[in-house]
Amino acid sequence: MNDKHFFSKDKVAKMKRLLEGNGYSAEVKYGEVQLEYIDSVVVITTNSMPLQELKEIGREAFKARCHLIDLKDVLKCENQKLPFNTIDLANYIMTRLENEDTFDSNSQEKKSQ
């Protein structure tokens, strides 16, 4: 997904729906708009958050629907593959969320804070 398109100022409502698990409306050429990614877990990996593109209210809407995880270890690998795959990354994130008492993997629901 193109983050420049997704985080643009006029896409805040779409962003909020996706991050809440309510799907993302995708336009289909010569067809009707389709609702995709319903109840999906969204993982955004980036070197810098694209929040500067949004107004303050958009940034707050994003932050209210996300759990930001800052990787504490430097993962720089010159010409080598990263030392993990997508499953390892998902397990790492789940463990961090459980350890920070944010998410209970048994209930699959975010704990209230």
N, C-alpha and C. Protein backbone atom coordinates (compact mmCIF):
# COMPACT_ATOMS: atom_id res chain seq x y z
N MET A 1 0.85 -1.17 0.00
CA MET A 1 0.00 0.00 0.00
C MET A 1 0.90 1.23 0.00
N ASN A 2 0.61 2.16 -0.83
CA ASN A 2 1.40 3.37 -0.93
C ASN A 2 1.12 4.27 0.27
N ASP A 3 2.13 4.48 1.12
CA ASP A 3 1.90 5.28 2.33
C ASP A 3 1.61 6.73 2.01
N LYS A 4 2.12 7.24 0.91
CA LYS A 4 1.83 8.63 0.54
C LYS A 4 0.34 8.80 0.24
N HIS A 5 -0.24 7.80 -0.38
CA HIS A 5 -1.67 7.82 -0.68
C HIS A 5 -2.47 7.58 0.60
N PHE A 6 -2.05 6.61 1.39
CA PHE A 6 -2.79 6.21 2.58
C PHE A 6 -2.79 7.30 3.65
N PHE A 7 -1.67 7.99 3.83
CA PHE A 7 -1.56 8.99 4.88
C PHE A 7 -1.79 10.41 4.37
N SER A 8 -2.40 10.56 3.23
CA SER A 8 -2.67 11.91 2.74
C SER A 8 -3.77 12.56 3.58
N LYS A 9 -3.82 13.86 3.54
CA LYS A 9 -4.74 14.63 4.39
C LYS A 9 -6.21 14.27 4.15
N ASP A 10 -6.55 13.90 2.93
CA ASP A 10 -7.95 13.60 2.63
C ASP A 10 -8.32 12.13 2.83
N LYS A 11 -7.41 11.33 3.37
CA LYS A 11 -7.67 9.91 3.58
C LYS A 11 -7.77 9.54 5.06
N VAL A 12 -7.90 10.50 5.94
CA VAL A 12 -7.94 10.23 7.38
C VAL A 12 -9.09 9.29 7.74
N ALA A 13 -10.27 9.48 7.16
CA ALA A 13 -11.42 8.63 7.48
C ALA A 13 -11.15 7.18 7.05
N LYS A 14 -10.56 6.99 5.87
CA LYS A 14 -10.22 5.64 5.41
C LYS A 14 -9.19 5.00 6.34
N MET A 15 -8.20 5.78 6.75
CA MET A 15 -7.16 5.28 7.64
C MET A 15 -7.77 4.83 8.95
N LYS A 16 -8.66 5.63 9.51
CA LYS A 16 -9.30 5.29 10.79
C LYS A 16 -10.10 3.99 10.66
N ARG A 17 -10.86 3.84 9.57
CA ARG A 17 -11.64 2.61 9.38
C ARG A 17 -10.74 1.38 9.30
N LEU A 18 -9.65 1.48 8.55
CA LEU A 18 -8.75 0.34 8.40
C LEU A 18 -8.12 -0.03 9.74
N LEU A 19 -7.62 0.94 10.47
CA LEU A 19 -6.93 0.66 11.73
C LEU A 19 -7.89 0.18 12.81
N GLU A 20 -9.17 0.47 12.68
CA GLU A 20 -10.17 -0.03 13.63
C GLU A 20 -10.67 -1.42 13.24
N GLY A 21 -10.21 -1.94 12.09
CA GLY A 21 -10.63 -3.27 11.65
C GLY A 21 -11.89 -3.27 10.81
N ASN A 22 -12.33 -2.09 10.39
CA ASN A 22 -13.58 -1.99 9.63
C ASN A 22 -13.37 -2.02 8.12
N GLY A 23 -12.16 -2.28 7.67
CA GLY A 23 -11.89 -2.42 6.25
C GLY A 23 -11.42 -1.15 5.59
N TYR A 24 -11.03 -1.30 4.35
CA TYR A 24 -10.52 -0.21 3.53
C TYR A 24 -11.23 -0.28 2.19
N SER A 25 -11.85 0.80 1.79
CA SER A 25 -12.57 0.79 0.52
C SER A 25 -11.59 0.97 -0.64
N ALA A 26 -11.62 0.04 -1.55
CA ALA A 26 -10.73 0.07 -2.71
C ALA A 26 -11.55 0.23 -3.97
N GLU A 27 -11.16 1.19 -4.78
CA GLU A 27 -11.87 1.43 -6.04
C GLU A 27 -11.38 0.43 -7.08
N VAL A 28 -12.31 -0.15 -7.81
CA VAL A 28 -12.00 -1.12 -8.85
C VAL A 28 -12.33 -0.50 -10.19
N LYS A 29 -11.39 -0.57 -11.12
CA LYS A 29 -11.61 0.02 -12.43
C LYS A 29 -12.83 -0.62 -13.10
N TYR A 30 -13.75 0.20 -13.53
CA TYR A 30 -15.00 -0.23 -14.17
C TYR A 30 -15.87 -1.09 -13.27
N GLY A 31 -15.71 -0.97 -11.98
CA GLY A 31 -16.52 -1.76 -11.06
C GLY A 31 -16.91 -0.95 -9.84
N GLU A 32 -17.58 -1.61 -8.94
CA GLU A 32 -18.01 -0.95 -7.72
C GLU A 32 -16.87 -0.91 -6.71
N VAL A 33 -16.96 -0.01 -5.79
CA VAL A 33 -15.98 0.08 -4.71
C VAL A 33 -16.11 -1.17 -3.84
N GLN A 34 -14.98 -1.78 -3.50
CA GLN A 34 -14.98 -2.98 -2.67
C GLN A 34 -14.39 -2.66 -1.31
N LEU A 35 -14.95 -3.28 -0.29
CA LEU A 35 -14.42 -3.14 1.06
C LEU A 35 -13.49 -4.31 1.33
N GLU A 36 -12.22 -4.01 1.58
CA GLU A 36 -11.21 -5.05 1.79
C GLU A 36 -10.55 -4.88 3.15
N TYR A 37 -9.81 -5.88 3.57
CA TYR A 37 -9.02 -5.87 4.81
C TYR A 37 -9.88 -5.74 6.06
N ILE A 38 -11.07 -6.33 6.07
CA ILE A 38 -11.94 -6.29 7.25
C ILE A 38 -11.34 -7.18 8.33
N ASP A 39 -11.31 -6.70 9.56
CA ASP A 39 -10.75 -7.41 10.72
C ASP A 39 -9.29 -7.80 10.53
N SER A 40 -8.55 -7.04 9.76
CA SER A 40 -7.14 -7.32 9.54
C SER A 40 -6.28 -6.62 10.58
N VAL A 41 -5.20 -7.28 10.94
CA VAL A 41 -4.19 -6.64 11.77
C VAL A 41 -3.26 -5.89 10.83
N VAL A 42 -3.02 -4.64 11.11
CA VAL A 42 -2.20 -3.82 10.24
C VAL A 42 -0.85 -3.61 10.90
N VAL A 43 0.20 -3.97 10.19
CA VAL A 43 1.56 -3.74 10.67
C VAL A 43 2.21 -2.79 9.67
N ILE A 44 2.64 -1.66 10.16
CA ILE A 44 3.31 -0.68 9.31
C ILE A 44 4.76 -0.62 9.75
N THR A 45 5.66 -0.89 8.84
CA THR A 45 7.08 -0.79 9.16
C THR A 45 7.64 0.40 8.40
N THR A 46 8.40 1.21 9.08
CA THR A 46 8.93 2.42 8.45
C THR A 46 10.13 2.92 9.23
N ASN A 47 10.98 3.64 8.56
CA ASN A 47 12.11 4.28 9.24
C ASN A 47 11.68 5.60 9.87
N SER A 48 10.62 6.17 9.37
CA SER A 48 10.08 7.40 9.95
C SER A 48 8.57 7.42 9.72
N MET A 49 7.84 7.77 10.75
CA MET A 49 6.38 7.79 10.64
C MET A 49 5.95 8.93 9.72
N PRO A 50 5.01 8.67 8.83
CA PRO A 50 4.57 9.70 7.89
C PRO A 50 3.53 10.65 8.49
N LEU A 51 3.55 10.81 9.80
CA LEU A 51 2.52 11.62 10.46
C LEU A 51 2.67 13.11 10.20
N GLN A 52 3.84 13.56 9.78
CA GLN A 52 4.02 14.99 9.53
C GLN A 52 3.13 15.48 8.39
N GLU A 53 2.65 14.55 7.56
CA GLU A 53 1.76 14.90 6.46
C GLU A 53 0.35 15.25 6.94
N LEU A 54 0.01 14.83 8.16
CA LEU A 54 -1.34 15.00 8.67
C LEU A 54 -1.44 16.21 9.59
N LYS A 55 -2.64 16.75 9.68
CA LYS A 55 -2.90 17.79 10.67
C LYS A 55 -2.90 17.16 12.04
N GLU A 56 -2.84 17.97 13.08
CA GLU A 56 -2.78 17.46 14.46
C GLU A 56 -3.91 16.50 14.77
N ILE A 57 -5.12 16.81 14.33
CA ILE A 57 -6.25 15.92 14.62
C ILE A 57 -6.08 14.57 13.93
N GLY A 58 -5.50 14.56 12.74
CA GLY A 58 -5.23 13.31 12.04
C GLY A 58 -4.15 12.49 12.73
N ARG A 59 -3.11 13.16 13.22
CA ARG A 59 -2.06 12.47 13.97
C ARG A 59 -2.62 11.83 15.22
N GLU A 60 -3.47 12.56 15.93
CA GLU A 60 -4.07 12.03 17.16
C GLU A 60 -4.98 10.84 16.85
N ALA A 61 -5.72 10.91 15.73
CA ALA A 61 -6.59 9.80 15.33
C ALA A 61 -5.74 8.56 15.05
N PHE A 62 -4.61 8.75 14.39
CA PHE A 62 -3.72 7.63 14.10
C PHE A 62 -3.16 7.03 15.39
N LYS A 63 -2.64 7.88 16.26
CA LYS A 63 -2.02 7.40 17.50
C LYS A 63 -3.03 6.71 18.41
N ALA A 64 -4.29 7.13 18.38
CA ALA A 64 -5.31 6.51 19.23
C ALA A 64 -5.66 5.10 18.77
N ARG A 65 -5.34 4.77 17.54
CA ARG A 65 -5.70 3.47 16.98
C ARG A 65 -4.51 2.54 16.78
N CYS A 66 -3.36 2.93 17.27
CA CYS A 66 -2.14 2.16 17.03
C CYS A 66 -1.36 1.93 18.32
N HIS A 67 -0.52 0.94 18.24
CA HIS A 67 0.47 0.71 19.28
C HIS A 67 1.82 0.82 18.58
N LEU A 68 2.56 1.86 18.86
CA LEU A 68 3.84 2.06 18.21
C LEU A 68 4.91 1.25 18.93
N ILE A 69 5.68 0.52 18.17
CA ILE A 69 6.77 -0.28 18.72
C ILE A 69 8.06 0.22 18.11
N ASP A 70 8.97 0.66 18.96
CA ASP A 70 10.27 1.12 18.52
C ASP A 70 11.25 -0.02 18.73
N LEU A 71 11.82 -0.52 17.64
CA LEU A 71 12.81 -1.59 17.79
C LEU A 71 14.04 -1.02 18.46
N LYS A 72 14.39 -1.58 19.59
CA LYS A 72 15.50 -1.04 20.36
C LYS A 72 16.86 -1.49 19.82
N ASP A 73 16.88 -2.60 19.12
CA ASP A 73 18.13 -3.11 18.58
C ASP A 73 18.35 -2.57 17.18
N VAL A 74 19.60 -2.28 16.86
CA VAL A 74 19.93 -1.83 15.52
C VAL A 74 19.91 -3.05 14.61
N LEU A 75 19.19 -2.95 13.53
CA LEU A 75 19.03 -4.08 12.61
C LEU A 75 19.74 -3.84 11.28
N LYS A 76 20.80 -3.06 11.32
CA LYS A 76 21.51 -2.73 10.09
C LYS A 76 22.32 -3.93 9.61
N CYS A 77 22.08 -4.34 8.40
CA CYS A 77 22.80 -5.46 7.79
C CYS A 77 23.17 -5.02 6.38
N GLU A 78 24.38 -4.64 6.18
CA GLU A 78 24.83 -4.08 4.91
C GLU A 78 24.21 -4.77 3.69
N ASN A 79 24.79 -5.83 3.22
CA ASN A 79 24.28 -6.52 2.03
C ASN A 79 23.68 -7.87 2.37
N GLN A 80 23.32 -8.06 3.64
CA GLN A 80 22.76 -9.33 4.07
C GLN A 80 21.25 -9.22 4.20
N LYS A 81 20.62 -10.37 4.16
CA LYS A 81 19.18 -10.39 4.41
C LYS A 81 18.96 -10.06 5.88
N LEU A 82 17.82 -9.49 6.18
CA LEU A 82 17.51 -9.21 7.58
C LEU A 82 17.51 -10.52 8.36
N PRO A 83 17.85 -10.45 9.63
CA PRO A 83 17.99 -11.68 10.42
C PRO A 83 16.66 -12.29 10.85
N PHE A 84 15.56 -11.92 10.22
CA PHE A 84 14.26 -12.48 10.58
C PHE A 84 13.34 -12.47 9.36
N ASN A 85 12.30 -13.28 9.44
CA ASN A 85 11.30 -13.28 8.37
C ASN A 85 10.00 -12.69 8.92
N THR A 86 8.95 -12.69 8.14
CA THR A 86 7.70 -12.06 8.57
C THR A 86 7.09 -12.76 9.78
N ILE A 87 7.24 -14.08 9.87
CA ILE A 87 6.69 -14.80 11.02
C ILE A 87 7.45 -14.43 12.28
N ASP A 88 8.78 -14.35 12.18
CA ASP A 88 9.59 -13.93 13.33
C ASP A 88 9.20 -12.53 13.79
N LEU A 89 8.98 -11.63 12.83
CA LEU A 89 8.60 -10.26 13.17
C LEU A 89 7.23 -10.23 13.85
N ALA A 90 6.28 -11.00 13.34
CA ALA A 90 4.94 -11.05 13.96
C ALA A 90 5.02 -11.61 15.37
N ASN A 91 5.82 -12.66 15.58
CA ASN A 91 5.99 -13.21 16.92
C ASN A 91 6.65 -12.22 17.86
N TYR A 92 7.63 -11.48 17.36
CA TYR A 92 8.30 -10.45 18.17
C TYR A 92 7.30 -9.38 18.61
N ILE A 93 6.49 -8.90 17.67
CA ILE A 93 5.51 -7.86 18.00
C ILE A 93 4.48 -8.38 18.99
N MET A 94 3.98 -9.59 18.80
CA MET A 94 3.00 -10.17 19.73
C MET A 94 3.60 -10.29 21.13
N THR A 95 4.85 -10.75 21.21
CA THR A 95 5.51 -10.88 22.51
C THR A 95 5.67 -9.52 23.18
N ARG A 96 6.08 -8.51 22.40
CA ARG A 96 6.21 -7.16 22.97
C ARG A 96 4.88 -6.65 23.50
N LEU A 97 3.81 -6.86 22.74
CA LEU A 97 2.49 -6.39 23.17
C LEU A 97 2.04 -7.12 24.43
N GLU A 98 2.30 -8.42 24.50
CA GLU A 98 1.94 -9.18 25.70
C GLU A 98 2.77 -8.75 26.89
N ASN A 99 4.07 -8.56 26.69
CA ASN A 99 4.95 -8.15 27.78
C ASN A 99 4.63 -6.76 28.29
N GLU A 100 4.15 -5.90 27.41
CA GLU A 100 3.78 -4.55 27.81
C GLU A 100 2.35 -4.50 28.31
N ASP A 101 1.72 -5.68 28.46
CA ASP A 101 0.36 -5.81 28.99
C ASP A 101 -0.65 -5.02 28.17
N THR A 102 -0.45 -5.03 26.86
CA THR A 102 -1.35 -4.33 25.96
C THR A 102 -2.31 -5.28 25.28
N PHE A 103 -1.89 -6.52 25.07
CA PHE A 103 -2.65 -7.44 24.24
C PHE A 103 -2.58 -8.83 24.85
N ASP A 104 -3.69 -9.51 24.91
CA ASP A 104 -3.75 -10.88 25.41
C ASP A 104 -3.97 -11.79 24.21
N SER A 105 -2.96 -12.58 23.85
CA SER A 105 -3.07 -13.41 22.65
C SER A 105 -4.15 -14.47 22.77
N ASN A 106 -4.53 -14.86 23.98
CA ASN A 106 -5.58 -15.86 24.15
C ASN A 106 -6.95 -15.31 23.78
N SER A 107 -7.19 -14.05 24.08
CA SER A 107 -8.50 -13.46 23.77
C SER A 107 -8.51 -12.76 22.42
N GLN A 108 -7.32 -12.48 21.86
CA GLN A 108 -7.18 -11.77 20.59
C GLN A 108 -7.84 -10.40 20.63
N GLU A 109 -7.94 -9.81 21.79
CA GLU A 109 -8.52 -8.48 21.90
C GLU A 109 -7.55 -7.57 22.64
N LYS A 110 -7.57 -6.32 22.26
CA LYS A 110 -6.73 -5.34 22.93
C LYS A 110 -7.30 -5.08 24.32
N LYS A 111 -6.42 -5.09 25.32
CA LYS A 111 -6.87 -4.82 26.68
C LYS A 111 -7.18 -3.34 26.82
N SER A 112 -8.16 -3.01 27.62
CA SER A 112 -8.49 -1.61 27.84
C SER A 112 -7.42 -1.00 28.72
N GLN A 113 -7.10 0.25 28.42
CA GLN A 113 -6.04 0.93 29.16
C GLN A 113 -6.60 2.06 29.97
